[in-house]
């Protein structure tokens, strides 16, 4: 878990409106992609797997806890897929840290999206 907790709700409504999914997938394809990613992780990544399970489950939840309506209707499953496609072995631990923090510090849509958005911006710029 991160050393210093920052309340992600301090960023509500503050994210730039510059995110567009790079990998536009149908819901069923997103679910398959994320399930495959999760299933290839070592078993010791339990909090990471729990967060992935939550994001996958909420894709079909009528309340859609993946959709951050306070920050431009960003879907956590879309940005997660983009981040997964941008990472490599050298920086995958950054994704694991954010997914673990999501499970331990707050699973709301804003918590999911803001943490993943930070990674997306860091990786897309480099």
N, C-alpha and C. Protein backbone atom coordinates (compact mmCIF):
# COMPACT_ATOMS: atom_id res chain seq x y z
N UNK A 1 0.84 -1.18 0.00
CA UNK A 1 0.00 0.00 0.00
C UNK A 1 0.88 1.24 0.00
N UNK A 2 0.39 2.32 -0.59
CA UNK A 2 1.13 3.56 -0.64
C UNK A 2 1.47 4.04 0.77
N UNK A 3 2.59 4.72 0.89
CA UNK A 3 3.03 5.21 2.19
C UNK A 3 2.17 6.36 2.71
N UNK A 4 1.67 7.19 1.81
CA UNK A 4 0.89 8.34 2.22
C UNK A 4 -0.48 8.29 1.55
N UNK A 5 -1.53 8.32 2.35
CA UNK A 5 -2.88 8.27 1.81
C UNK A 5 -3.33 9.65 1.38
N UNK A 6 -3.80 9.75 0.16
CA UNK A 6 -4.40 10.98 -0.33
C UNK A 6 -5.84 10.66 -0.69
N UNK A 7 -6.76 11.40 -0.12
CA UNK A 7 -8.18 11.18 -0.38
C UNK A 7 -8.47 11.48 -1.84
N UNK A 8 -8.80 10.45 -2.60
CA UNK A 8 -9.03 10.65 -4.04
C UNK A 8 -10.21 11.57 -4.31
N UNK A 9 -11.09 11.74 -3.33
CA UNK A 9 -12.25 12.61 -3.56
C UNK A 9 -11.87 14.09 -3.63
N UNK A 10 -10.63 14.41 -3.24
CA UNK A 10 -10.18 15.79 -3.42
C UNK A 10 -10.01 16.10 -4.91
N UNK A 11 -10.01 15.07 -5.76
CA UNK A 11 -9.88 15.25 -7.21
C UNK A 11 -11.22 15.16 -7.94
N UNK A 12 -12.31 14.95 -7.20
CA UNK A 12 -13.63 14.84 -7.84
C UNK A 12 -13.90 16.06 -8.72
N UNK A 13 -14.20 15.80 -9.97
CA UNK A 13 -14.50 16.86 -10.92
C UNK A 13 -13.29 17.63 -11.41
N UNK A 14 -12.09 17.21 -11.00
CA UNK A 14 -10.87 17.94 -11.33
C UNK A 14 -10.06 17.32 -12.47
N UNK A 15 -10.36 16.08 -12.86
CA UNK A 15 -9.58 15.45 -13.91
C UNK A 15 -9.81 16.17 -15.23
N UNK A 16 -8.74 16.37 -16.00
CA UNK A 16 -8.93 16.95 -17.34
C UNK A 16 -9.83 16.05 -18.17
N UNK A 17 -10.54 16.63 -19.07
CA UNK A 17 -11.45 15.85 -19.93
C UNK A 17 -10.71 15.36 -21.17
N UNK A 18 -9.54 14.77 -20.96
CA UNK A 18 -8.69 14.38 -22.08
C UNK A 18 -8.56 12.87 -22.27
N UNK A 19 -9.34 12.10 -21.52
CA UNK A 19 -9.22 10.64 -21.66
C UNK A 19 -10.24 10.11 -22.65
N UNK A 20 -9.74 9.37 -23.62
CA UNK A 20 -10.56 8.63 -24.57
C UNK A 20 -10.00 7.21 -24.61
N UNK A 21 -10.84 6.20 -24.41
CA UNK A 21 -10.32 4.83 -24.42
C UNK A 21 -9.56 4.52 -25.71
N UNK A 22 -8.38 3.95 -25.55
CA UNK A 22 -7.54 3.59 -26.68
C UNK A 22 -7.93 2.23 -27.25
N UNK A 23 -8.54 1.40 -26.43
CA UNK A 23 -8.94 0.04 -26.83
C UNK A 23 -10.43 -0.11 -26.55
N UNK A 24 -11.24 0.31 -27.50
CA UNK A 24 -12.69 0.25 -27.34
C UNK A 24 -13.16 -1.17 -27.58
N UNK A 25 -13.52 -1.87 -26.50
CA UNK A 25 -13.94 -3.25 -26.59
C UNK A 25 -15.39 -3.40 -26.14
N UNK A 26 -16.05 -4.40 -26.69
CA UNK A 26 -17.39 -4.75 -26.21
C UNK A 26 -17.25 -5.28 -24.78
N UNK A 27 -18.32 -5.19 -24.01
CA UNK A 27 -18.29 -5.62 -22.62
C UNK A 27 -17.80 -7.06 -22.48
N UNK A 28 -18.27 -7.96 -23.33
CA UNK A 28 -17.86 -9.36 -23.23
C UNK A 28 -16.36 -9.51 -23.51
N UNK A 29 -15.83 -8.74 -24.45
CA UNK A 29 -14.40 -8.80 -24.75
C UNK A 29 -13.57 -8.18 -23.63
N UNK A 30 -14.09 -7.12 -23.01
CA UNK A 30 -13.39 -6.53 -21.86
C UNK A 30 -13.30 -7.55 -20.74
N UNK A 31 -14.41 -8.23 -20.50
CA UNK A 31 -14.43 -9.22 -19.42
C UNK A 31 -13.42 -10.33 -19.68
N UNK A 32 -13.36 -10.84 -20.90
CA UNK A 32 -12.40 -11.89 -21.26
C UNK A 32 -10.97 -11.38 -21.09
N UNK A 33 -10.69 -10.18 -21.57
CA UNK A 33 -9.36 -9.60 -21.46
C UNK A 33 -8.93 -9.50 -19.99
N UNK A 34 -9.80 -8.95 -19.14
CA UNK A 34 -9.45 -8.75 -17.74
C UNK A 34 -9.36 -10.07 -16.99
N UNK A 35 -10.23 -11.02 -17.31
CA UNK A 35 -10.14 -12.36 -16.69
C UNK A 35 -8.82 -13.02 -17.05
N UNK A 36 -8.41 -12.93 -18.30
CA UNK A 36 -7.13 -13.52 -18.72
C UNK A 36 -5.96 -12.87 -18.00
N UNK A 37 -5.99 -11.56 -17.89
CA UNK A 37 -4.93 -10.85 -17.17
C UNK A 37 -4.87 -11.33 -15.72
N UNK A 38 -6.02 -11.36 -15.07
CA UNK A 38 -6.09 -11.79 -13.67
C UNK A 38 -5.60 -13.22 -13.49
N UNK A 39 -6.02 -14.10 -14.37
CA UNK A 39 -5.67 -15.51 -14.24
C UNK A 39 -4.19 -15.78 -14.47
N UNK A 40 -3.49 -14.85 -15.10
CA UNK A 40 -2.05 -15.01 -15.32
C UNK A 40 -1.20 -14.42 -14.20
N UNK A 41 -1.85 -13.86 -13.19
CA UNK A 41 -1.12 -13.29 -12.05
C UNK A 41 -0.80 -14.38 -11.04
N UNK A 42 0.32 -14.24 -10.34
CA UNK A 42 0.64 -15.20 -9.27
C UNK A 42 -0.41 -15.15 -8.17
N UNK A 43 -0.60 -16.24 -7.48
CA UNK A 43 -1.63 -16.33 -6.44
C UNK A 43 -1.41 -15.37 -5.28
N UNK A 44 -0.17 -14.95 -5.05
CA UNK A 44 0.09 -14.06 -3.91
C UNK A 44 -0.44 -12.65 -4.14
N UNK A 45 -0.93 -12.35 -5.30
CA UNK A 45 -1.48 -11.03 -5.61
C UNK A 45 -2.97 -10.96 -5.26
N UNK A 46 -3.36 -11.42 -4.08
CA UNK A 46 -4.77 -11.50 -3.72
C UNK A 46 -5.50 -10.16 -3.74
N UNK A 47 -4.98 -9.08 -3.11
CA UNK A 47 -5.73 -7.81 -3.19
C UNK A 47 -5.88 -7.30 -4.63
N UNK A 48 -4.86 -7.53 -5.45
CA UNK A 48 -4.93 -7.13 -6.86
C UNK A 48 -6.02 -7.93 -7.56
N UNK A 49 -6.04 -9.23 -7.32
CA UNK A 49 -7.07 -10.08 -7.93
C UNK A 49 -8.46 -9.71 -7.44
N UNK A 50 -8.57 -9.35 -6.16
CA UNK A 50 -9.88 -8.94 -5.62
C UNK A 50 -10.38 -7.67 -6.31
N UNK A 51 -9.48 -6.73 -6.54
CA UNK A 51 -9.87 -5.50 -7.24
C UNK A 51 -10.29 -5.81 -8.67
N UNK A 52 -9.53 -6.66 -9.33
CA UNK A 52 -9.90 -7.06 -10.70
C UNK A 52 -11.25 -7.75 -10.71
N UNK A 53 -11.50 -8.64 -9.76
CA UNK A 53 -12.80 -9.31 -9.66
C UNK A 53 -13.93 -8.29 -9.49
N UNK A 54 -13.68 -7.29 -8.66
CA UNK A 54 -14.69 -6.26 -8.41
C UNK A 54 -14.99 -5.47 -9.69
N UNK A 55 -13.95 -5.07 -10.40
CA UNK A 55 -14.14 -4.32 -11.64
C UNK A 55 -14.88 -5.17 -12.67
N UNK A 56 -14.52 -6.44 -12.78
CA UNK A 56 -15.19 -7.35 -13.72
C UNK A 56 -16.65 -7.53 -13.34
N UNK A 57 -16.91 -7.76 -12.05
CA UNK A 57 -18.29 -7.97 -11.58
C UNK A 57 -19.14 -6.73 -11.84
N UNK A 58 -18.57 -5.57 -11.58
CA UNK A 58 -19.34 -4.34 -11.72
C UNK A 58 -19.61 -3.93 -13.16
N UNK A 59 -18.97 -4.60 -14.09
CA UNK A 59 -19.26 -4.32 -15.50
C UNK A 59 -20.71 -4.67 -15.82
N UNK A 60 -21.27 -5.64 -15.11
CA UNK A 60 -22.65 -6.06 -15.36
C UNK A 60 -23.60 -5.63 -14.24
N UNK A 61 -23.09 -4.89 -13.27
CA UNK A 61 -23.91 -4.40 -12.18
C UNK A 61 -24.70 -3.18 -12.66
N UNK A 62 -26.02 -3.16 -12.44
CA UNK A 62 -26.82 -2.01 -12.90
C UNK A 62 -26.35 -0.67 -12.32
N UNK A 63 -25.74 -0.68 -11.15
CA UNK A 63 -25.23 0.56 -10.56
C UNK A 63 -23.92 1.00 -11.20
N UNK A 64 -23.24 0.11 -11.89
CA UNK A 64 -21.99 0.36 -12.61
C UNK A 64 -21.01 1.20 -11.80
N UNK A 65 -20.48 0.61 -10.75
CA UNK A 65 -19.50 1.29 -9.90
C UNK A 65 -18.18 1.55 -10.60
N UNK A 66 -18.05 1.15 -11.86
CA UNK A 66 -16.84 1.46 -12.62
C UNK A 66 -16.92 2.83 -13.28
N UNK A 67 -18.10 3.39 -13.40
CA UNK A 67 -18.30 4.64 -14.13
C UNK A 67 -18.17 5.84 -13.19
N UNK A 68 -17.14 6.62 -13.41
CA UNK A 68 -16.90 7.83 -12.61
C UNK A 68 -17.62 9.00 -13.28
N UNK A 69 -18.82 9.28 -12.81
CA UNK A 69 -19.63 10.35 -13.38
C UNK A 69 -19.16 11.74 -12.93
N UNK A 70 -18.32 11.79 -11.91
CA UNK A 70 -17.82 13.08 -11.44
C UNK A 70 -16.61 13.56 -12.22
N UNK A 71 -16.03 12.67 -13.00
CA UNK A 71 -14.82 13.01 -13.76
C UNK A 71 -14.96 12.65 -15.24
N UNK A 72 -16.04 13.09 -15.83
CA UNK A 72 -16.19 12.95 -17.28
C UNK A 72 -16.64 11.59 -17.76
N UNK A 73 -17.33 10.83 -16.91
CA UNK A 73 -17.85 9.51 -17.30
C UNK A 73 -16.76 8.57 -17.80
N UNK A 74 -15.69 8.48 -17.03
CA UNK A 74 -14.61 7.54 -17.35
C UNK A 74 -14.95 6.20 -16.71
N UNK A 75 -14.85 5.15 -17.51
CA UNK A 75 -15.12 3.79 -17.04
C UNK A 75 -13.81 3.16 -16.60
N UNK A 76 -13.76 2.69 -15.35
CA UNK A 76 -12.54 2.09 -14.81
C UNK A 76 -12.08 0.89 -15.62
N UNK A 77 -13.01 0.13 -16.18
CA UNK A 77 -12.59 -1.04 -16.96
C UNK A 77 -11.90 -0.61 -18.26
N UNK A 78 -12.34 0.49 -18.86
CA UNK A 78 -11.68 0.99 -20.08
C UNK A 78 -10.27 1.48 -19.78
N UNK A 79 -10.14 2.29 -18.75
CA UNK A 79 -8.81 2.85 -18.46
C UNK A 79 -7.87 1.76 -17.95
N UNK A 80 -8.40 0.77 -17.23
CA UNK A 80 -7.58 -0.35 -16.78
C UNK A 80 -7.00 -1.12 -17.97
N UNK A 81 -7.81 -1.39 -18.95
CA UNK A 81 -7.34 -2.10 -20.15
C UNK A 81 -6.27 -1.28 -20.86
N UNK A 82 -6.46 0.02 -20.95
CA UNK A 82 -5.44 0.86 -21.58
C UNK A 82 -4.13 0.82 -20.79
N UNK A 83 -4.22 0.89 -19.46
CA UNK A 83 -3.01 0.84 -18.63
C UNK A 83 -2.31 -0.51 -18.79
N UNK A 84 -3.07 -1.59 -18.78
CA UNK A 84 -2.47 -2.93 -18.94
C UNK A 84 -1.71 -3.00 -20.26
N UNK A 85 -2.25 -2.40 -21.29
CA UNK A 85 -1.59 -2.42 -22.60
C UNK A 85 -0.36 -1.51 -22.67
N UNK A 86 -0.21 -0.61 -21.71
CA UNK A 86 0.93 0.30 -21.69
C UNK A 86 2.08 -0.18 -20.79
N UNK A 87 1.77 -1.07 -19.85
CA UNK A 87 2.79 -1.48 -18.88
C UNK A 87 3.68 -2.58 -19.42
N UNK A 88 4.79 -2.77 -18.71
CA UNK A 88 5.68 -3.88 -19.01
C UNK A 88 6.18 -4.45 -17.68
N UNK A 89 7.07 -5.42 -17.74
CA UNK A 89 7.57 -6.06 -16.52
C UNK A 89 8.26 -5.08 -15.59
N UNK A 90 8.86 -4.04 -16.14
CA UNK A 90 9.59 -3.07 -15.32
C UNK A 90 8.67 -2.18 -14.47
N UNK A 91 7.43 -1.98 -14.90
CA UNK A 91 6.56 -1.06 -14.17
C UNK A 91 5.23 -1.67 -13.75
N UNK A 92 5.07 -2.96 -13.88
CA UNK A 92 3.79 -3.58 -13.52
C UNK A 92 3.50 -3.45 -12.03
N UNK A 93 4.55 -3.34 -11.20
CA UNK A 93 4.32 -3.19 -9.76
C UNK A 93 3.57 -1.89 -9.45
N UNK A 94 3.72 -0.88 -10.29
CA UNK A 94 2.97 0.37 -10.10
C UNK A 94 1.48 0.12 -10.25
N UNK A 95 1.11 -0.69 -11.23
CA UNK A 95 -0.30 -1.05 -11.40
C UNK A 95 -0.78 -1.86 -10.22
N UNK A 96 0.01 -2.83 -9.79
CA UNK A 96 -0.38 -3.65 -8.64
C UNK A 96 -0.60 -2.79 -7.40
N UNK A 97 0.28 -1.81 -7.19
CA UNK A 97 0.14 -0.94 -6.03
C UNK A 97 -1.19 -0.17 -6.08
N UNK A 98 -1.53 0.36 -7.24
CA UNK A 98 -2.76 1.13 -7.37
C UNK A 98 -4.00 0.25 -7.20
N UNK A 99 -3.95 -0.96 -7.75
CA UNK A 99 -5.08 -1.87 -7.60
C UNK A 99 -5.23 -2.32 -6.14
N UNK A 100 -4.11 -2.55 -5.48
CA UNK A 100 -4.15 -2.91 -4.06
C UNK A 100 -4.70 -1.76 -3.24
N UNK A 101 -4.24 -0.54 -3.51
CA UNK A 101 -4.76 0.64 -2.80
C UNK A 101 -6.25 0.80 -3.02
N UNK A 102 -6.71 0.51 -4.21
CA UNK A 102 -8.14 0.62 -4.49
C UNK A 102 -8.92 -0.29 -3.56
N UNK A 103 -8.48 -1.52 -3.40
CA UNK A 103 -9.20 -2.47 -2.55
C UNK A 103 -9.11 -2.06 -1.08
N UNK A 104 -7.98 -1.52 -0.67
CA UNK A 104 -7.78 -1.24 0.75
C UNK A 104 -8.21 0.15 1.17
N UNK A 105 -8.23 1.10 0.23
CA UNK A 105 -8.51 2.49 0.60
C UNK A 105 -9.82 3.03 0.07
N UNK A 106 -10.44 2.31 -0.85
CA UNK A 106 -11.72 2.78 -1.35
C UNK A 106 -12.01 2.27 -2.74
N UNK A 107 -13.12 1.57 -2.86
CA UNK A 107 -13.47 0.93 -4.13
C UNK A 107 -14.49 1.71 -4.94
N UNK A 108 -14.79 2.93 -4.53
CA UNK A 108 -15.77 3.73 -5.27
C UNK A 108 -15.25 4.00 -6.68
N UNK A 109 -16.13 4.42 -7.55
CA UNK A 109 -15.76 4.68 -8.95
C UNK A 109 -14.62 5.70 -9.03
N UNK A 110 -14.67 6.73 -8.21
CA UNK A 110 -13.63 7.76 -8.26
C UNK A 110 -12.29 7.18 -7.82
N UNK A 111 -12.30 6.33 -6.79
CA UNK A 111 -11.07 5.71 -6.33
C UNK A 111 -10.44 4.85 -7.40
N UNK A 112 -11.27 4.11 -8.11
CA UNK A 112 -10.78 3.26 -9.19
C UNK A 112 -10.19 4.10 -10.33
N UNK A 113 -10.98 5.05 -10.80
CA UNK A 113 -10.61 5.81 -11.99
C UNK A 113 -9.43 6.73 -11.72
N UNK A 114 -9.44 7.45 -10.63
CA UNK A 114 -8.36 8.42 -10.37
C UNK A 114 -7.03 7.72 -10.23
N UNK A 115 -7.00 6.59 -9.53
CA UNK A 115 -5.74 5.86 -9.38
C UNK A 115 -5.23 5.36 -10.74
N UNK A 116 -6.13 4.84 -11.56
CA UNK A 116 -5.73 4.33 -12.88
C UNK A 116 -5.39 5.47 -13.84
N UNK A 117 -6.08 6.58 -13.73
CA UNK A 117 -5.81 7.73 -14.59
C UNK A 117 -4.39 8.24 -14.37
N UNK A 118 -3.94 8.26 -13.13
CA UNK A 118 -2.57 8.69 -12.84
C UNK A 118 -1.56 7.84 -13.60
N UNK A 119 -1.76 6.53 -13.58
CA UNK A 119 -0.86 5.63 -14.30
C UNK A 119 -0.97 5.84 -15.80
N UNK A 120 -2.18 5.96 -16.28
CA UNK A 120 -2.40 6.16 -17.71
C UNK A 120 -1.62 7.39 -18.19
N UNK A 121 -1.76 8.50 -17.48
CA UNK A 121 -1.08 9.73 -17.88
C UNK A 121 0.44 9.56 -17.81
N UNK A 122 0.92 8.88 -16.80
CA UNK A 122 2.37 8.67 -16.67
C UNK A 122 2.90 7.81 -17.82
N UNK A 123 2.17 6.78 -18.18
CA UNK A 123 2.63 5.86 -19.21
C UNK A 123 2.41 6.39 -20.62
N UNK A 124 1.34 7.12 -20.86
CA UNK A 124 1.04 7.61 -22.20
C UNK A 124 2.02 8.71 -22.60
N UNK A 125 2.53 9.45 -21.62
CA UNK A 125 3.47 10.53 -21.88
C UNK A 125 4.85 9.97 -22.22
N UNK A 126 5.21 8.86 -21.58
CA UNK A 126 6.56 8.29 -21.79
C UNK A 126 6.62 7.48 -23.01
